[in-house]
């Protein structure tokens, strides 16, 4: 006789089934979960069905591409992710850590922010024996890799959805409209009177063809939709800054990234609105990564430095 809580209410499901569930939950597909675990896709499918039978609940809704977790699966993942990841850290490829020894901290985030603001502040921790493994990338991909266990900490440009990943606000980025003095002298006086129309004919330098940062600035500050084809695209804001400072045109950059150039006059503010657009970056930690004390050390240091 079983209770209303399900066939396995009196006992715990097999840990291997829970690990398989977590791999599918994180990757969003049976095939991707199988690759993470080194198992065949039919084996993963069988294990998930077995777990669903034991729990008496459906865990995933099958879709054309991958699977979507049910509400029950979200609750289960939130309950098991930290203890399972902690067990994985103890019994992982490196085995048990020696007393006083800590594994490397896997830190990921935007190349510009990590290079300019994060890595210089971590030098004292490296001097104390903290080992870092740093990965650059875009937020969506890095968060997926975090869910798959490849990173310990991610600096994300958006707050992750769901309850499995814990995040805290790290820093607010202010965006500024800038150009080299040669362009600022031409269009600066007209910008106040003519608005963004004063920039017609000035080349735009952008991070990407879809103008992710510049479009947001236009909507927030000018209340208009930007329709412009960039003259230069380069997927690194440091390179965007260099091109603009060299006279290639105008762009929108995080203030922290171009503060020195603004102070020296190599770049000039074209506009200084009272309500500048702000983007909040979040520090996201993988559940279970606190088993490595150096992850906590790096996290706390980053939060203190940001404040």
Protein backbone atom coordinates (compact mmCIF):
# COMPACT_ATOMS: atom_id res chain seq x y z
CA UNK A 1 0.00 0.00 0.00
CA UNK A 2 1.39 3.39 -0.94
CA UNK A 3 0.77 6.79 0.58
CA UNK A 4 -0.69 9.77 -1.23
CA UNK A 5 2.80 11.24 -1.55
CA UNK A 6 3.74 8.62 -4.15
CA UNK A 7 5.04 5.06 -4.47
CA UNK A 8 8.44 5.89 -2.99
CA UNK A 9 7.27 8.15 -0.18
CA UNK A 10 8.75 5.79 2.42
CA UNK A 11 12.22 5.82 0.87
CA UNK A 12 14.59 7.85 -1.28
CA UNK A 13 15.05 7.32 -5.04
CA UNK A 14 18.35 5.90 -6.21
CA UNK A 15 21.07 8.56 -6.33
CA UNK A 16 22.02 7.59 -9.87
CA UNK A 17 18.46 8.30 -11.00
CA UNK A 18 18.57 11.69 -9.30
CA UNK A 19 21.90 12.50 -11.00
CA UNK A 20 20.38 11.57 -14.35
CA UNK A 21 17.35 13.73 -13.63
CA UNK A 22 19.58 16.69 -12.75
CA UNK A 23 21.62 16.30 -15.95
CA UNK A 24 18.46 16.32 -18.09
CA UNK A 25 17.01 19.20 -16.08
CA UNK A 26 20.14 21.30 -16.58
CA UNK A 27 20.69 20.51 -20.24
CA UNK A 28 17.02 20.58 -21.30
CA UNK A 29 17.19 17.37 -23.33
CA UNK A 30 17.65 13.64 -22.84
CA UNK A 31 20.37 13.51 -25.51
CA UNK A 32 22.36 16.38 -24.00
CA UNK A 33 21.95 14.90 -20.52
CA UNK A 34 23.24 11.57 -21.80
CA UNK A 35 26.35 13.28 -23.21
CA UNK A 36 27.00 14.96 -19.86
CA UNK A 37 26.80 11.61 -18.06
CA UNK A 38 28.54 9.45 -20.66
CA UNK A 39 25.43 7.29 -21.05
CA UNK A 40 23.31 6.31 -24.03
CA UNK A 41 20.13 8.24 -24.71
CA UNK A 42 17.91 5.12 -24.27
CA UNK A 43 19.50 4.50 -20.85
CA UNK A 44 18.73 8.06 -19.76
CA UNK A 45 15.15 7.75 -21.03
CA UNK A 46 14.70 4.51 -19.10
CA UNK A 47 16.13 6.01 -15.91
CA UNK A 48 13.88 9.07 -16.08
CA UNK A 49 10.83 6.88 -16.60
CA UNK A 50 11.91 4.74 -13.65
CA UNK A 51 12.27 7.83 -11.46
CA UNK A 52 8.87 9.12 -12.55
CA UNK A 53 7.37 5.75 -11.62
CA UNK A 54 9.05 5.79 -8.21
CA UNK A 55 7.91 9.33 -7.48
CA UNK A 56 4.48 8.92 -8.99
CA UNK A 57 4.84 12.24 -10.82
CA UNK A 58 5.72 13.38 -14.33
CA UNK A 59 9.03 15.24 -14.45
CA UNK A 60 9.32 16.45 -18.04
CA UNK A 61 7.00 17.41 -20.85
CA UNK A 62 8.33 16.15 -24.17
CA UNK A 63 8.63 18.86 -26.81
CA UNK A 64 9.75 19.07 -30.44
CA UNK A 65 13.17 20.16 -29.24
CA UNK A 66 14.18 18.76 -25.89
CA UNK A 67 12.02 18.66 -22.79
CA UNK A 68 10.47 21.19 -20.41
CA UNK A 69 10.47 20.52 -16.65
CA UNK A 70 7.17 20.32 -14.83
CA UNK A 71 6.51 22.39 -11.71
CA UNK A 72 7.24 19.28 -9.65
CA UNK A 73 10.60 18.91 -11.42
CA UNK A 74 11.47 22.52 -10.55
CA UNK A 75 10.73 21.79 -6.89
CA UNK A 76 12.73 18.55 -6.94
CA UNK A 77 15.73 20.21 -8.59
CA UNK A 78 15.73 23.03 -6.05
CA UNK A 79 15.81 20.47 -3.22
CA UNK A 80 18.51 18.13 -4.53
CA UNK A 81 20.88 20.28 -6.58
CA UNK A 82 23.07 21.51 -3.73
CA UNK A 83 23.59 18.18 -1.91
CA UNK A 84 24.14 16.30 -5.18
CA UNK A 85 26.67 18.84 -6.43
CA UNK A 86 28.42 18.69 -3.06
CA UNK A 87 28.64 14.89 -3.36
CA UNK A 88 29.98 15.30 -6.89
CA UNK A 89 32.70 17.64 -5.64
CA UNK A 90 33.78 15.04 -3.07
CA UNK A 91 33.70 12.07 -5.38
CA UNK A 92 34.56 13.74 -8.68
CA UNK A 93 37.52 13.12 -10.97
CA UNK A 94 39.99 14.58 -8.50
CA UNK A 95 38.79 12.46 -5.61
CA UNK A 96 38.79 13.79 -2.06
CA UNK A 97 40.72 16.99 -1.53
CA UNK A 98 43.56 16.81 0.93
CA UNK A 99 43.03 18.72 4.14
CA UNK A 100 43.65 22.41 3.51
CA UNK A 101 43.67 21.90 -0.27
CA UNK A 102 41.08 23.51 -2.55
CA UNK A 103 40.44 23.01 -6.22
CA UNK A 104 40.60 25.83 -8.77
CA UNK A 105 37.74 28.32 -8.94
CA UNK A 106 36.05 28.36 -12.35
CA UNK A 107 34.96 31.95 -13.01
CA UNK A 108 33.18 33.14 -16.17
CA UNK A 109 31.65 36.33 -17.53
CA UNK A 110 31.95 39.08 -20.15
CA UNK A 111 35.54 39.51 -21.31
CA UNK A 112 35.51 43.28 -20.88
CA UNK A 113 34.19 43.33 -17.33
CA UNK A 114 36.33 40.46 -16.07
CA UNK A 115 39.47 41.91 -17.66
CA UNK A 116 38.90 45.51 -16.60
CA UNK A 117 37.20 45.22 -13.22
CA UNK A 118 37.43 41.69 -11.80
CA UNK A 119 40.81 40.13 -12.50
CA UNK A 120 42.87 43.07 -11.18
CA UNK A 121 41.05 42.86 -7.84
CA UNK A 122 41.74 39.15 -7.41
CA UNK A 123 45.53 39.44 -7.27
CA UNK A 124 45.62 39.29 -3.43
CA UNK A 125 43.69 36.01 -3.46
CA UNK A 126 46.00 34.48 -6.05
CA UNK A 127 48.91 35.47 -3.81
CA UNK A 128 47.21 33.48 -1.02
CA UNK A 129 47.00 30.33 -3.14
CA UNK A 130 43.65 30.67 -4.92
CA UNK A 131 43.78 29.14 -8.38
CA UNK A 132 41.53 30.62 -11.07
CA UNK A 133 40.25 29.20 -14.34
CA UNK A 134 38.64 32.04 -16.29
CA UNK A 135 36.24 31.74 -19.24
CA UNK A 136 34.89 34.60 -21.37
CA UNK A 137 31.51 34.44 -23.07
CA UNK A 138 27.92 35.63 -23.40
CA UNK A 139 25.55 35.30 -20.46
CA UNK A 140 23.03 32.81 -21.87
CA UNK A 141 25.69 30.30 -22.87
CA UNK A 142 27.64 30.74 -19.64
CA UNK A 143 24.56 30.14 -17.51
CA UNK A 144 23.82 26.94 -19.40
CA UNK A 145 27.39 25.82 -18.75
CA UNK A 146 27.00 26.77 -15.09
CA UNK A 147 23.92 24.56 -14.85
CA UNK A 148 25.97 21.77 -16.42
CA UNK A 149 28.60 22.18 -13.71
CA UNK A 150 31.37 23.72 -15.83
CA UNK A 151 31.67 26.97 -13.84
CA UNK A 152 31.49 27.88 -10.16
CA UNK A 153 30.74 31.59 -10.51
CA UNK A 154 29.35 33.57 -13.45
CA UNK A 155 29.05 37.34 -13.81
CA UNK A 156 25.76 37.59 -15.72
CA UNK A 157 24.25 40.60 -17.47
CA UNK A 158 20.73 39.35 -16.62
CA UNK A 159 19.29 37.63 -13.55
CA UNK A 160 18.88 33.90 -14.22
CA UNK A 161 15.35 32.52 -14.17
CA UNK A 162 14.18 29.79 -11.83
CA UNK A 163 15.12 28.90 -8.28
CA UNK A 164 17.99 26.52 -8.93
CA UNK A 165 20.63 29.21 -9.49
CA UNK A 166 21.22 31.71 -6.70
CA UNK A 167 22.23 35.23 -7.78
CA UNK A 168 22.96 38.55 -6.11
CA UNK A 169 23.28 42.02 -7.70
CA UNK A 170 26.94 42.80 -8.24
CA UNK A 171 27.23 46.18 -9.93
CA UNK A 172 25.26 48.71 -11.96
CA UNK A 173 26.71 49.64 -15.34
CA UNK A 174 25.92 53.12 -16.69
CA UNK A 175 25.94 53.46 -20.47
CA UNK A 176 27.28 56.62 -22.14
CA UNK A 177 27.20 57.99 -25.68
CA UNK A 178 30.75 58.84 -26.76
CA UNK A 179 32.91 59.85 -29.71
CA UNK A 180 36.41 61.12 -30.36
CA UNK A 181 36.93 64.92 -30.15
CA UNK A 182 37.01 65.22 -33.95
CA UNK A 183 33.38 64.04 -34.15
CA UNK A 184 32.25 65.64 -30.89
CA UNK A 185 33.29 69.08 -32.17
CA UNK A 186 31.11 68.57 -35.25
CA UNK A 187 27.93 67.12 -33.78
CA UNK A 188 28.05 67.98 -30.07
CA UNK A 189 26.57 71.50 -30.34
CA UNK A 190 23.76 70.27 -32.65
CA UNK A 191 22.81 67.25 -30.51
CA UNK A 192 21.06 69.33 -27.85
CA UNK A 193 18.90 71.08 -30.44
CA UNK A 194 18.38 68.37 -33.04
CA UNK A 195 18.50 65.27 -30.84
CA UNK A 196 19.77 62.02 -32.36
CA UNK A 197 19.20 63.40 -35.87
CA UNK A 198 22.47 65.29 -35.38
CA UNK A 199 24.28 61.96 -35.63
CA UNK A 200 23.02 61.19 -39.13
CA UNK A 201 26.06 60.65 -41.31
CA UNK A 202 28.36 59.84 -38.39
CA UNK A 203 29.62 56.22 -38.56
CA UNK A 204 28.39 53.91 -35.80
CA UNK A 205 30.73 51.42 -34.15
CA UNK A 206 28.88 48.56 -32.50
CA UNK A 207 29.42 45.35 -30.53
CA UNK A 208 27.15 43.44 -32.93
CA UNK A 209 24.97 43.96 -35.99
CA UNK A 210 21.78 43.96 -33.91
CA UNK A 211 23.09 46.92 -31.87
CA UNK A 212 22.24 45.47 -28.42
CA UNK A 213 23.62 48.30 -26.26
CA UNK A 214 23.03 51.21 -28.65
CA UNK A 215 19.36 50.29 -29.27
CA UNK A 216 18.72 50.23 -25.54
CA UNK A 217 20.31 53.68 -25.13
CA UNK A 218 18.17 55.12 -27.94
CA UNK A 219 14.94 53.79 -26.44
CA UNK A 220 15.77 54.91 -22.91
CA UNK A 221 17.22 58.35 -23.61
CA UNK A 222 15.65 59.46 -26.89
CA UNK A 223 12.43 57.42 -26.75
CA UNK A 224 12.98 56.33 -30.33
CA UNK A 225 13.76 53.15 -32.20
CA UNK A 226 17.23 53.18 -33.70
CA UNK A 227 17.38 52.31 -37.40
CA UNK A 228 21.00 52.37 -38.37
CA UNK A 229 23.50 50.07 -40.00
CA UNK A 230 26.84 50.04 -38.16
CA UNK A 231 29.97 50.95 -40.06
CA UNK A 232 32.10 48.74 -37.81
CA UNK A 233 31.12 45.73 -35.69
CA UNK A 234 33.55 44.03 -33.36
CA UNK A 235 32.53 41.57 -30.59
CA UNK A 236 34.68 43.13 -27.87
CA UNK A 237 33.79 46.41 -26.18
CA UNK A 238 37.46 47.16 -25.61
CA UNK A 239 37.98 47.08 -29.38
CA UNK A 240 34.86 49.22 -29.87
CA UNK A 241 36.37 51.78 -27.50
CA UNK A 242 39.69 51.72 -29.36
CA UNK A 243 37.98 52.24 -32.72
CA UNK A 244 35.89 55.15 -31.43
CA UNK A 245 38.89 56.78 -29.75
CA UNK A 246 40.72 56.47 -33.06
CA UNK A 247 38.00 58.52 -34.78
CA UNK A 248 36.01 55.73 -36.46
CA UNK A 249 32.68 57.14 -35.27
CA UNK A 250 30.41 57.07 -32.22
CA UNK A 251 29.17 54.33 -29.91
CA UNK A 252 27.60 53.56 -26.54
CA UNK A 253 29.89 52.07 -23.90
CA UNK A 254 29.80 51.24 -20.19
CA UNK A 255 31.15 54.24 -18.30
CA UNK A 256 33.60 52.13 -16.28
CA UNK A 257 35.25 50.94 -19.49
CA UNK A 258 35.96 54.42 -20.87
CA UNK A 259 36.39 56.44 -17.66
CA UNK A 260 40.13 56.97 -18.26
CA UNK A 261 39.59 58.09 -21.86
CA UNK A 262 36.86 60.50 -20.79
CA UNK A 263 39.15 61.94 -18.13
CA UNK A 264 42.04 62.36 -20.57
CA UNK A 265 39.91 63.79 -23.38
CA UNK A 266 40.54 60.90 -25.76
CA UNK A 267 36.76 60.38 -25.72
CA UNK A 268 34.03 62.96 -25.23
CA UNK A 269 30.48 62.57 -23.88
CA UNK A 270 28.06 63.48 -26.66
CA UNK A 271 25.11 63.45 -24.29
CA UNK A 272 24.77 63.54 -20.49
CA UNK A 273 21.13 62.79 -19.59
CA UNK A 274 19.84 63.02 -16.04
CA UNK A 275 18.49 59.48 -16.31
CA UNK A 276 21.19 57.45 -18.02
CA UNK A 277 20.43 53.82 -18.90
CA UNK A 278 21.64 51.36 -16.28
CA UNK A 279 22.21 47.62 -16.51
CA UNK A 280 22.68 45.48 -13.40
CA UNK A 281 25.20 42.65 -13.46
CA UNK A 282 24.59 39.65 -11.20
CA UNK A 283 26.98 37.22 -9.55
CA UNK A 284 25.60 33.71 -9.99
CA UNK A 285 26.93 30.73 -8.02
CA UNK A 286 26.56 27.08 -8.91
CA UNK A 287 24.75 25.15 -6.18
CA UNK A 288 27.15 22.86 -4.36
CA UNK A 289 30.24 24.84 -5.37
CA UNK A 290 30.62 26.06 -1.78
CA UNK A 291 32.18 22.66 -1.07
CA UNK A 292 35.31 24.38 -2.40
CA UNK A 293 36.14 27.06 0.23
CA UNK A 294 38.00 29.15 -2.35
CA UNK A 295 34.75 29.66 -4.30
CA UNK A 296 33.25 31.34 -1.25
CA UNK A 297 36.44 33.35 -0.83
CA UNK A 298 36.30 34.64 -4.41
CA UNK A 299 32.55 35.33 -4.24
CA UNK A 300 32.80 37.37 -1.04
CA UNK A 301 35.82 39.26 -2.36
CA UNK A 302 33.99 40.21 -5.57
CA UNK A 303 30.96 41.44 -3.64
CA UNK A 304 33.13 43.55 -1.33
CA UNK A 305 35.12 44.98 -4.23
CA UNK A 306 31.95 45.89 -6.13
CA UNK A 307 30.58 47.76 -3.13
